[in-house]
């Protein structure tokens, strides 16, 4: 695990899809299809992640330590892998949101 985040200035900022995935996982663990739906809803349809792309996003977030795998013990959901945000993921998403809020505030003040 690389443990890179926006909290480390040598790390690139989150991509929009990564930020939306973290936001979706902020409330509760979700599986892949649930993430695709939640990201589309939260972005008002502007970010649509295809399944192949979703797993690349998840792999990057897993590698950076921003999410981890959360297995839900449910008889009907044995095939699904659930993901959850980590403490570092929450801190990173909050730092990214604060940075973006400042930029957006400047743009709205014009």
Protein backbone atom coordinates (compact mmCIF):
# COMPACT_ATOMS: atom_id res chain seq x y z
CA UNK A 1 0.00 0.00 0.00
CA UNK A 2 1.43 3.34 -1.09
CA UNK A 3 -0.54 5.63 1.28
CA UNK A 4 -0.45 8.62 -1.08
CA UNK A 5 -3.01 11.39 -0.78
CA UNK A 6 -3.63 15.04 -1.38
CA UNK A 7 -2.33 15.47 2.16
CA UNK A 8 1.08 14.67 0.63
CA UNK A 9 2.03 17.47 -1.79
CA UNK A 10 4.04 15.05 -3.95
CA UNK A 11 0.85 13.12 -4.81
CA UNK A 12 -1.45 14.17 -7.66
CA UNK A 13 -4.96 15.27 -6.70
CA UNK A 14 -7.86 12.87 -6.97
CA UNK A 15 -9.54 12.45 -10.32
CA UNK A 16 -13.27 13.34 -10.40
CA UNK A 17 -14.33 9.68 -10.54
CA UNK A 18 -12.11 8.88 -7.55
CA UNK A 19 -13.56 11.73 -5.51
CA UNK A 20 -17.12 10.68 -6.35
CA UNK A 21 -16.39 7.07 -5.40
CA UNK A 22 -15.00 8.24 -2.04
CA UNK A 23 -18.07 10.43 -1.55
CA UNK A 24 -20.35 7.47 -2.33
CA UNK A 25 -18.51 5.28 0.16
CA UNK A 26 -18.61 7.97 2.85
CA UNK A 27 -22.09 6.87 3.96
CA UNK A 28 -21.76 3.10 3.74
CA UNK A 29 -19.88 0.25 2.05
CA UNK A 30 -21.07 -0.49 -1.49
CA UNK A 31 -20.42 -3.09 -4.16
CA UNK A 32 -19.37 -2.26 -7.72
CA UNK A 33 -22.80 -1.87 -9.30
CA UNK A 34 -24.00 0.17 -6.32
CA UNK A 35 -21.00 2.47 -6.75
CA UNK A 36 -21.75 2.96 -10.46
CA UNK A 37 -25.33 3.94 -9.62
CA UNK A 38 -24.40 6.18 -6.67
CA UNK A 39 -21.70 8.04 -8.60
CA UNK A 40 -24.13 8.69 -11.48
CA UNK A 41 -26.74 9.95 -9.02
CA UNK A 42 -24.35 12.18 -7.06
CA UNK A 43 -22.87 13.66 -10.24
CA UNK A 44 -26.33 14.21 -11.74
CA UNK A 45 -25.40 11.83 -14.55
CA UNK A 46 -22.25 13.72 -15.52
CA UNK A 47 -19.91 10.95 -14.37
CA UNK A 48 -20.81 7.53 -15.65
CA UNK A 49 -18.28 4.87 -14.81
CA UNK A 50 -18.31 1.73 -16.93
CA UNK A 51 -17.57 -1.51 -15.07
CA UNK A 52 -14.10 -1.92 -16.61
CA UNK A 53 -13.18 1.65 -15.66
CA UNK A 54 -14.68 1.26 -12.19
CA UNK A 55 -12.28 -1.51 -11.29
CA UNK A 56 -9.30 0.58 -12.45
CA UNK A 57 -10.53 3.41 -10.19
CA UNK A 58 -11.01 0.97 -7.31
CA UNK A 59 -7.55 -0.50 -7.85
CA UNK A 60 -5.97 2.99 -7.66
CA UNK A 61 -7.90 3.81 -4.49
CA UNK A 62 -6.99 0.45 -2.93
CA UNK A 63 -3.32 0.94 -3.82
CA UNK A 64 -3.31 4.40 -2.23
CA UNK A 65 -4.97 3.05 0.93
CA UNK A 66 -8.05 5.25 0.48
CA UNK A 67 -10.49 2.33 0.45
CA UNK A 68 -10.39 -1.29 1.48
CA UNK A 69 -12.41 -4.42 0.84
CA UNK A 70 -15.31 -4.97 3.20
CA UNK A 71 -16.90 -8.40 2.93
CA UNK A 72 -20.57 -8.41 3.84
CA UNK A 73 -21.71 -11.72 5.28
CA UNK A 74 -24.98 -12.19 3.47
CA UNK A 75 -26.28 -15.44 2.04
CA UNK A 76 -27.59 -13.83 -1.17
CA UNK A 77 -24.58 -11.56 -1.77
CA UNK A 78 -21.68 -14.02 -1.62
CA UNK A 79 -20.37 -13.05 -5.09
CA UNK A 80 -20.29 -9.31 -4.47
CA UNK A 81 -17.28 -7.50 -3.10
CA UNK A 82 -18.13 -4.50 -0.96
CA UNK A 83 -15.72 -1.59 -0.56
CA UNK A 84 -15.48 0.94 2.25
CA UNK A 85 -13.62 4.18 2.72
CA UNK A 86 -10.66 4.19 5.11
CA UNK A 87 -9.70 6.85 7.63
CA UNK A 88 -7.05 8.09 5.17
CA UNK A 89 -9.68 8.08 2.42
CA UNK A 90 -12.00 10.26 4.53
CA UNK A 91 -9.19 12.71 5.34
CA UNK A 92 -8.09 12.83 1.72
CA UNK A 93 -11.63 13.39 0.41
CA UNK A 94 -12.19 16.15 2.98
CA UNK A 95 -8.88 17.85 2.07
CA UNK A 96 -9.74 17.64 -1.63
CA UNK A 97 -13.24 19.02 -1.01
CA UNK A 98 -11.85 21.97 0.98
CA UNK A 99 -9.37 22.75 -1.78
CA UNK A 100 -12.10 22.59 -4.43
CA UNK A 101 -14.51 24.64 -2.29
CA UNK A 102 -11.94 27.44 -2.11
CA UNK A 103 -11.48 27.45 -5.88
CA UNK A 104 -15.22 27.30 -6.50
CA UNK A 105 -15.79 30.12 -4.00
CA UNK A 106 -13.35 32.30 -5.93
CA UNK A 107 -15.08 31.50 -9.22
CA UNK A 108 -18.53 32.26 -7.81
CA UNK A 109 -17.32 35.59 -6.40
CA UNK A 110 -16.50 36.88 -9.90
